[in-house]
Amino acid sequence: MKEFSRKQRVGEQIQRDLANIIRREISSPELGMVTIYEVNVSPDFKFARVYVTTFGGKLGNKESIQYLNEAAGKLRYHLSQCLKIRTTPRLQFVYDNSIEYGSRLSALIDSVASENSEDQEEKHG
């Protein structure tokens, strides 16, 4: 079993702490609920790319990411109070479209499967 690297552990810690900080510090109806899916930390720990999705807000995906990136300095400050590392990474928020992609793929597979079953019924019917 491979042990987690320090970079992965720091990324997971940032993910947990940042989720709490966002919930506490940025409760905005415009933004809605923010879910952090992954945090990739650079090897030198100076930067962290934070993959998020938002739900139930008034802002679109692009505007939500812009909102979070504008608040990144404030969020980084609060994160620095939680983390036990020398340098708190600069945060860059990125929209994670993997959920939407998975949903589209699933719907596509379902539509092909239903077309195939209809074709089978016509042949045997």
N, C-alpha and C. Protein backbone atom coordinates (compact mmCIF):
# COMPACT_ATOMS: atom_id res chain seq x y z
N MET A 1 0.85 -1.19 0.00
CA MET A 1 0.00 0.00 0.00
C MET A 1 0.89 1.25 0.00
N LYS A 2 0.67 2.11 -0.96
CA LYS A 2 1.48 3.32 -1.09
C LYS A 2 0.99 4.39 -0.10
N GLU A 3 1.94 4.97 0.60
CA GLU A 3 1.56 6.03 1.54
C GLU A 3 1.27 7.32 0.78
N PHE A 4 0.40 8.12 1.34
CA PHE A 4 0.11 9.41 0.75
C PHE A 4 1.33 10.30 0.83
N SER A 5 1.55 11.07 -0.21
CA SER A 5 2.66 12.02 -0.18
C SER A 5 2.25 13.22 0.67
N ARG A 6 3.23 13.98 1.08
CA ARG A 6 2.94 15.17 1.88
C ARG A 6 2.06 16.13 1.09
N LYS A 7 2.32 16.23 -0.22
CA LYS A 7 1.54 17.11 -1.09
C LYS A 7 0.06 16.70 -1.07
N GLN A 8 -0.22 15.40 -1.14
CA GLN A 8 -1.61 14.92 -1.09
C GLN A 8 -2.25 15.21 0.26
N ARG A 9 -1.50 14.97 1.32
CA ARG A 9 -2.04 15.22 2.67
C ARG A 9 -2.37 16.70 2.86
N VAL A 10 -1.48 17.57 2.41
CA VAL A 10 -1.73 19.01 2.52
C VAL A 10 -2.95 19.39 1.68
N GLY A 11 -3.05 18.84 0.47
CA GLY A 11 -4.20 19.10 -0.39
C GLY A 11 -5.51 18.69 0.26
N GLU A 12 -5.52 17.52 0.89
CA GLU A 12 -6.73 17.06 1.57
C GLU A 12 -7.06 17.92 2.78
N GLN A 13 -6.03 18.36 3.50
CA GLN A 13 -6.25 19.23 4.65
C GLN A 13 -6.82 20.58 4.20
N ILE A 14 -6.27 21.11 3.11
CA ILE A 14 -6.78 22.37 2.56
C ILE A 14 -8.24 22.19 2.15
N GLN A 15 -8.54 21.06 1.53
CA GLN A 15 -9.92 20.79 1.09
C GLN A 15 -10.88 20.82 2.28
N ARG A 16 -10.53 20.13 3.36
CA ARG A 16 -11.39 20.10 4.56
C ARG A 16 -11.53 21.49 5.19
N ASP A 17 -10.38 22.14 5.41
CA ASP A 17 -10.40 23.45 6.08
C ASP A 17 -11.11 24.50 5.23
N LEU A 18 -10.84 24.50 3.95
CA LEU A 18 -11.43 25.49 3.05
C LEU A 18 -12.94 25.32 2.96
N ALA A 19 -13.41 24.09 2.97
CA ALA A 19 -14.87 23.85 2.95
C ALA A 19 -15.53 24.51 4.16
N ASN A 20 -14.92 24.36 5.32
CA ASN A 20 -15.46 24.99 6.54
C ASN A 20 -15.36 26.51 6.48
N ILE A 21 -14.24 27.01 5.99
CA ILE A 21 -14.03 28.46 5.91
C ILE A 21 -15.05 29.09 4.96
N ILE A 22 -15.25 28.47 3.80
CA ILE A 22 -16.21 29.02 2.83
C ILE A 22 -17.61 29.02 3.42
N ARG A 23 -17.96 27.93 4.08
CA ARG A 23 -19.29 27.84 4.71
C ARG A 23 -19.46 28.94 5.77
N ARG A 24 -18.39 29.20 6.52
CA ARG A 24 -18.45 30.17 7.62
C ARG A 24 -18.32 31.62 7.14
N GLU A 25 -17.41 31.87 6.21
CA GLU A 25 -17.06 33.23 5.83
C GLU A 25 -17.81 33.77 4.61
N ILE A 26 -18.23 32.88 3.72
CA ILE A 26 -18.88 33.33 2.48
C ILE A 26 -20.22 32.63 2.34
N SER A 27 -21.16 32.99 3.19
CA SER A 27 -22.50 32.43 3.03
C SER A 27 -23.30 33.44 2.22
N SER A 28 -23.22 33.30 0.91
CA SER A 28 -23.86 34.24 0.01
C SER A 28 -24.95 33.55 -0.80
N PRO A 29 -26.17 34.10 -0.81
CA PRO A 29 -27.23 33.48 -1.61
C PRO A 29 -26.91 33.51 -3.11
N GLU A 30 -26.11 34.51 -3.53
CA GLU A 30 -25.71 34.56 -4.94
C GLU A 30 -24.86 33.36 -5.31
N LEU A 31 -23.96 32.98 -4.40
CA LEU A 31 -23.03 31.89 -4.67
C LEU A 31 -23.69 30.53 -4.50
N GLY A 32 -24.55 30.40 -3.52
CA GLY A 32 -25.18 29.11 -3.24
C GLY A 32 -24.23 28.19 -2.49
N MET A 33 -24.45 26.89 -2.63
CA MET A 33 -23.63 25.90 -1.93
C MET A 33 -22.40 25.57 -2.77
N VAL A 34 -21.24 25.61 -2.15
CA VAL A 34 -19.98 25.33 -2.84
C VAL A 34 -19.48 23.95 -2.39
N THR A 35 -19.14 23.10 -3.35
CA THR A 35 -18.56 21.80 -3.05
C THR A 35 -17.16 21.75 -3.63
N ILE A 36 -16.20 21.41 -2.78
CA ILE A 36 -14.82 21.29 -3.22
C ILE A 36 -14.56 19.81 -3.51
N TYR A 37 -14.21 19.52 -4.77
CA TYR A 37 -13.98 18.14 -5.16
C TYR A 37 -12.54 17.71 -5.02
N GLU A 38 -11.62 18.63 -5.24
CA GLU A 38 -10.22 18.26 -5.18
C GLU A 38 -9.37 19.51 -5.03
N VAL A 39 -8.23 19.34 -4.39
CA VAL A 39 -7.25 20.43 -4.29
C VAL A 39 -5.91 19.86 -4.73
N ASN A 40 -5.34 20.45 -5.78
CA ASN A 40 -4.00 20.07 -6.25
C ASN A 40 -3.01 21.13 -5.82
N VAL A 41 -2.04 20.70 -5.02
CA VAL A 41 -1.03 21.63 -4.51
C VAL A 41 0.24 21.49 -5.35
N SER A 42 0.84 22.62 -5.69
CA SER A 42 2.09 22.59 -6.46
C SER A 42 3.20 21.96 -5.60
N PRO A 43 4.22 21.40 -6.24
CA PRO A 43 5.30 20.73 -5.49
C PRO A 43 6.00 21.64 -4.47
N ASP A 44 6.04 22.95 -4.76
CA ASP A 44 6.69 23.87 -3.82
C ASP A 44 5.71 24.46 -2.79
N PHE A 45 4.47 24.02 -2.83
CA PHE A 45 3.41 24.44 -1.89
C PHE A 45 3.06 25.92 -1.99
N LYS A 46 3.41 26.56 -3.11
CA LYS A 46 3.10 27.98 -3.25
C LYS A 46 1.72 28.22 -3.86
N PHE A 47 1.22 27.24 -4.59
CA PHE A 47 -0.07 27.39 -5.26
C PHE A 47 -0.95 26.17 -5.01
N ALA A 48 -2.25 26.41 -4.95
CA ALA A 48 -3.21 25.32 -4.82
C ALA A 48 -4.35 25.58 -5.79
N ARG A 49 -4.62 24.62 -6.65
CA ARG A 49 -5.75 24.72 -7.57
C ARG A 49 -6.91 23.98 -6.91
N VAL A 50 -8.01 24.72 -6.71
CA VAL A 50 -9.17 24.19 -5.98
C VAL A 50 -10.31 23.96 -6.97
N TYR A 51 -10.69 22.69 -7.15
CA TYR A 51 -11.76 22.33 -8.09
C TYR A 51 -13.09 22.31 -7.35
N VAL A 52 -14.03 23.15 -7.82
CA VAL A 52 -15.30 23.31 -7.12
C VAL A 52 -16.49 23.23 -8.09
N THR A 53 -17.65 22.96 -7.50
CA THR A 53 -18.92 23.15 -8.19
C THR A 53 -19.81 23.95 -7.24
N THR A 54 -20.78 24.62 -7.82
CA THR A 54 -21.73 25.37 -6.99
C THR A 54 -23.13 24.89 -7.34
N PHE A 55 -24.02 25.03 -6.37
CA PHE A 55 -25.39 24.57 -6.55
C PHE A 55 -26.35 25.52 -5.84
N GLY A 56 -27.43 25.87 -6.51
CA GLY A 56 -28.49 26.63 -5.88
C GLY A 56 -28.24 28.12 -5.77
N GLY A 57 -27.20 28.61 -6.42
CA GLY A 57 -26.92 30.03 -6.34
C GLY A 57 -27.52 30.78 -7.52
N LYS A 58 -27.45 32.09 -7.44
CA LYS A 58 -27.98 32.94 -8.52
C LYS A 58 -26.93 33.18 -9.61
N LEU A 59 -25.65 32.93 -9.27
CA LEU A 59 -24.58 33.16 -10.23
C LEU A 59 -24.36 31.93 -11.10
N GLY A 60 -23.91 32.17 -12.34
CA GLY A 60 -23.53 31.07 -13.21
C GLY A 60 -22.18 30.51 -12.80
N ASN A 61 -21.75 29.47 -13.48
CA ASN A 61 -20.47 28.83 -13.14
C ASN A 61 -19.30 29.80 -13.23
N LYS A 62 -19.25 30.53 -14.33
CA LYS A 62 -18.14 31.46 -14.56
C LYS A 62 -18.12 32.55 -13.48
N GLU A 63 -19.29 33.09 -13.17
CA GLU A 63 -19.39 34.16 -12.17
C GLU A 63 -19.06 33.63 -10.77
N SER A 64 -19.46 32.40 -10.48
CA SER A 64 -19.16 31.79 -9.18
C SER A 64 -17.66 31.65 -8.98
N ILE A 65 -16.98 31.18 -10.03
CA ILE A 65 -15.53 31.03 -9.95
C ILE A 65 -14.86 32.39 -9.78
N GLN A 66 -15.34 33.39 -10.51
CA GLN A 66 -14.80 34.73 -10.39
C GLN A 66 -14.99 35.26 -8.96
N TYR A 67 -16.18 35.03 -8.39
CA TYR A 67 -16.49 35.45 -7.03
C TYR A 67 -15.50 34.82 -6.04
N LEU A 68 -15.29 33.51 -6.18
CA LEU A 68 -14.37 32.80 -5.28
C LEU A 68 -12.93 33.28 -5.46
N ASN A 69 -12.52 33.49 -6.71
CA ASN A 69 -11.15 33.96 -6.95
C ASN A 69 -10.93 35.37 -6.40
N GLU A 70 -11.98 36.20 -6.42
CA GLU A 70 -11.87 37.53 -5.82
C GLU A 70 -11.77 37.45 -4.30
N ALA A 71 -12.36 36.42 -3.72
CA ALA A 71 -12.31 36.23 -2.27
C ALA A 71 -11.12 35.38 -1.84
N ALA A 72 -10.28 34.96 -2.79
CA ALA A 72 -9.19 34.03 -2.51
C ALA A 72 -8.21 34.56 -1.46
N GLY A 73 -7.92 35.85 -1.49
CA GLY A 73 -6.99 36.43 -0.51
C GLY A 73 -7.52 36.30 0.91
N LYS A 74 -8.79 36.62 1.09
CA LYS A 74 -9.45 36.50 2.40
C LYS A 74 -9.48 35.04 2.84
N LEU A 75 -9.81 34.15 1.91
CA LEU A 75 -9.87 32.72 2.22
C LEU A 75 -8.48 32.18 2.58
N ARG A 76 -7.47 32.66 1.86
CA ARG A 76 -6.09 32.24 2.14
C ARG A 76 -5.67 32.67 3.54
N TYR A 77 -6.06 33.88 3.91
CA TYR A 77 -5.73 34.36 5.26
C TYR A 77 -6.34 33.44 6.32
N HIS A 78 -7.63 33.13 6.18
CA HIS A 78 -8.29 32.24 7.15
C HIS A 78 -7.67 30.84 7.13
N LEU A 79 -7.28 30.40 5.94
CA LEU A 79 -6.65 29.08 5.81
C LEU A 79 -5.31 29.06 6.53
N SER A 80 -4.58 30.17 6.47
CA SER A 80 -3.27 30.25 7.13
C SER A 80 -3.40 30.09 8.65
N GLN A 81 -4.56 30.43 9.19
CA GLN A 81 -4.80 30.29 10.63
C GLN A 81 -4.99 28.82 11.01
N CYS A 82 -5.38 27.99 10.04
CA CYS A 82 -5.66 26.57 10.30
C CYS A 82 -4.47 25.67 9.99
N LEU A 83 -3.77 25.96 8.90
CA LEU A 83 -2.71 25.07 8.43
C LEU A 83 -1.46 25.19 9.27
N LYS A 84 -0.77 24.08 9.41
CA LYS A 84 0.47 24.05 10.18
C LYS A 84 1.67 23.93 9.24
N ILE A 85 1.65 24.71 8.17
CA ILE A 85 2.78 24.70 7.25
C ILE A 85 3.33 26.12 7.12
N ARG A 86 4.57 26.22 6.69
CA ARG A 86 5.26 27.51 6.66
C ARG A 86 4.59 28.51 5.72
N THR A 87 4.27 28.06 4.50
CA THR A 87 3.67 28.94 3.50
C THR A 87 2.29 28.45 3.15
N THR A 88 1.31 29.34 3.23
CA THR A 88 -0.04 28.98 2.79
C THR A 88 -0.12 29.23 1.29
N PRO A 89 -0.52 28.20 0.54
CA PRO A 89 -0.55 28.36 -0.93
C PRO A 89 -1.54 29.43 -1.38
N ARG A 90 -1.22 30.08 -2.50
CA ARG A 90 -2.17 30.98 -3.16
C ARG A 90 -3.25 30.10 -3.77
N LEU A 91 -4.48 30.53 -3.65
CA LEU A 91 -5.61 29.72 -4.10
C LEU A 91 -6.08 30.15 -5.48
N GLN A 92 -6.30 29.18 -6.34
CA GLN A 92 -6.91 29.44 -7.63
C GLN A 92 -8.11 28.49 -7.75
N PHE A 93 -9.29 29.08 -7.90
CA PHE A 93 -10.51 28.28 -8.00
C PHE A 93 -10.80 27.97 -9.47
N VAL A 94 -11.17 26.71 -9.72
CA VAL A 94 -11.46 26.23 -11.07
C VAL A 94 -12.77 25.47 -11.01
N TYR A 95 -13.63 25.68 -12.00
CA TYR A 95 -14.90 24.96 -12.04
C TYR A 95 -14.65 23.51 -12.43
N ASP A 96 -15.21 22.59 -11.67
CA ASP A 96 -15.07 21.15 -11.94
C ASP A 96 -16.31 20.68 -12.68
N ASN A 97 -16.15 20.37 -13.96
CA ASN A 97 -17.31 19.95 -14.75
C ASN A 97 -17.44 18.44 -14.85
N SER A 98 -16.72 17.68 -14.04
CA SER A 98 -16.76 16.22 -14.15
C SER A 98 -18.13 15.65 -13.81
N ILE A 99 -18.87 16.27 -12.90
CA ILE A 99 -20.21 15.80 -12.56
C ILE A 99 -21.14 15.99 -13.75
N GLU A 100 -21.10 17.18 -14.35
CA GLU A 100 -21.93 17.43 -15.53
C GLU A 100 -21.55 16.49 -16.67
N TYR A 101 -20.26 16.29 -16.86
CA TYR A 101 -19.78 15.41 -17.92
C TYR A 101 -20.29 13.98 -17.68
N GLY A 102 -20.21 13.53 -16.44
CA GLY A 102 -20.69 12.19 -16.09
C GLY A 102 -22.19 12.04 -16.32
N SER A 103 -22.94 13.07 -15.98
CA SER A 103 -24.39 13.05 -16.18
C SER A 103 -24.74 12.99 -17.66
N ARG A 104 -24.03 13.80 -18.47
CA ARG A 104 -24.27 13.78 -19.91
C ARG A 104 -23.93 12.43 -20.51
N LEU A 105 -22.81 11.86 -20.07
CA LEU A 105 -22.38 10.56 -20.56
C LEU A 105 -23.39 9.48 -20.19
N SER A 106 -23.87 9.53 -18.96
CA SER A 106 -24.86 8.56 -18.49
C SER A 106 -26.16 8.68 -19.29
N ALA A 107 -26.60 9.90 -19.54
CA ALA A 107 -27.83 10.11 -20.32
C ALA A 107 -27.65 9.61 -21.75
N LEU A 108 -26.47 9.81 -22.32
CA LEU A 108 -26.18 9.33 -23.66
C LEU A 108 -26.23 7.80 -23.72
N ILE A 109 -25.62 7.16 -22.74
CA ILE A 109 -25.63 5.69 -22.67
C ILE A 109 -27.05 5.18 -22.51
N ASP A 110 -27.83 5.83 -21.64
CA ASP A 110 -29.23 5.42 -21.45
C ASP A 110 -30.04 5.55 -22.73
N SER A 111 -29.82 6.65 -23.48
CA SER A 111 -30.59 6.85 -24.72
C SER A 111 -30.23 5.80 -25.76
N VAL A 112 -28.95 5.44 -25.85
CA VAL A 112 -28.52 4.41 -26.80
C VAL A 112 -29.09 3.05 -26.37
N ALA A 113 -29.07 2.77 -25.07
CA ALA A 113 -29.60 1.51 -24.57
C ALA A 113 -31.10 1.39 -24.85
N SER A 114 -31.86 2.48 -24.67
CA SER A 114 -33.31 2.43 -24.91
C SER A 114 -33.60 2.28 -26.40
N GLU A 115 -32.78 2.92 -27.27
CA GLU A 115 -32.95 2.76 -28.72
C GLU A 115 -32.69 1.31 -29.12
N ASN A 116 -31.66 0.70 -28.52
CA ASN A 116 -31.35 -0.70 -28.83
C ASN A 116 -32.47 -1.63 -28.40
N SER A 117 -33.05 -1.38 -27.23
CA SER A 117 -34.13 -2.26 -26.76
C SER A 117 -35.38 -2.09 -27.63
N GLU A 118 -35.63 -0.86 -28.13
CA GLU A 118 -36.76 -0.64 -29.04
C GLU A 118 -36.52 -1.36 -30.36
N ASP A 119 -35.27 -1.32 -30.86
CA ASP A 119 -34.94 -2.02 -32.10
C ASP A 119 -35.13 -3.52 -31.93
N GLN A 120 -34.74 -4.05 -30.78
CA GLN A 120 -34.89 -5.49 -30.50
C GLN A 120 -36.36 -5.88 -30.47
N GLU A 121 -37.20 -5.03 -29.86
CA GLU A 121 -38.62 -5.32 -29.77
C GLU A 121 -39.26 -5.33 -31.17
N GLU A 122 -38.84 -4.41 -32.06
CA GLU A 122 -39.37 -4.36 -33.42
C GLU A 122 -38.99 -5.60 -34.20
N LYS A 123 -37.77 -6.13 -34.00
CA LYS A 123 -37.34 -7.33 -34.71
C LYS A 123 -38.12 -8.55 -34.26
N HIS A 124 -38.39 -8.63 -32.95
CA HIS A 124 -39.06 -9.81 -32.39
C HIS A 124 -40.55 -9.64 -32.30
N GLY A 125 -41.07 -8.46 -32.53
CA GLY A 125 -42.48 -8.15 -32.33
C GLY A 125 -43.30 -8.33 -33.51
